[in-house]
Amino acid sequence: GYVQMKKKVILFLVEGETDEDALAVIFTRLVNNHDIKFEVLRTDITADEDMTVKYIEERIDKVIQKYLLKNPFVVAEDIIKVVQIIDTDGAFIPTSLVKQSRNRKTEYFDTHIEAKDKDRLIRRNISKRNIVYSLYNRETLAGFPYEIYYFSRNMEHVLHDRAEDLTDDEKEELAFDIADQYTDQPEKFLEYLYDEGFHVCGTYKDTWEFIMDGNHSLNRYCNVAVFFEQLGIGLEKESTEG
């Protein structure tokens, strides 16, 4: 017999289990020449109050090491790319669009945020913006090729057009809906990523400059299509340029 060539691993770092439940199988079927693995961070590490640009690499390195420890059959050399997916949560808007809320809770609107604690939210936004800016300008992180993508304002907003606050159970249900709908026809999911309701055109850098602008990070946008394009699996769009 011949030795089965080991597939190279693309490791996805996502915030919550719902991200993994919705995306893991679909991504695995779309990218069949690599092993797709998901590691759930259970938190938005880019918005952690103690996080800084300086420490984010260390933090991500820890996550990768922990993943390797838990999965002894994967070694560092197997990982060809680390990919992080974040929600934007309106974090990149100008500070003038963060208002003090009157009802003691934080609410997100398409045009602004009403914050329970305005100063604290502004600090979170500035910090997350700096961290994310440093991340999308990196080609490698912790010794691995690295890419970061977004759902704006979050995954449910993009994939279900639901902008209201959802319970964890509702998010879970929506995640399974996506998995249900697309697992057997993953190319339909890829097509959906180009939906003009939220698809951001352009290069990797273009899509990040776009979401960093104005109030875009509160609105419904997604650049995950670029991940597939980088692997050569994007939808072949007819070029309109001469």
Foldseek 3Di string as FASTA:
>chain_A
DDDDDAAAEEEEEEADPLCCLQPVLLVCVLPVRHHYHYDHPVHDQLLPLPDALVCPLVVVLVSVVVVCVVPVVDDPVSHQEYEYEEALLLLLADLVQEAAAPPQDWDFDLAGIHHNDSVSSVSSSVSSVNNVVSQCVDQAGSRHGYHYWYWANHDCCAPVVDLGDDDPVVSNVVSNVNCVVPSVPSVVVLVSCCPPQAEDDDASVNVVVVCSDHRNSNHGYIHVLNVCVVVVSHDDDDDPDD
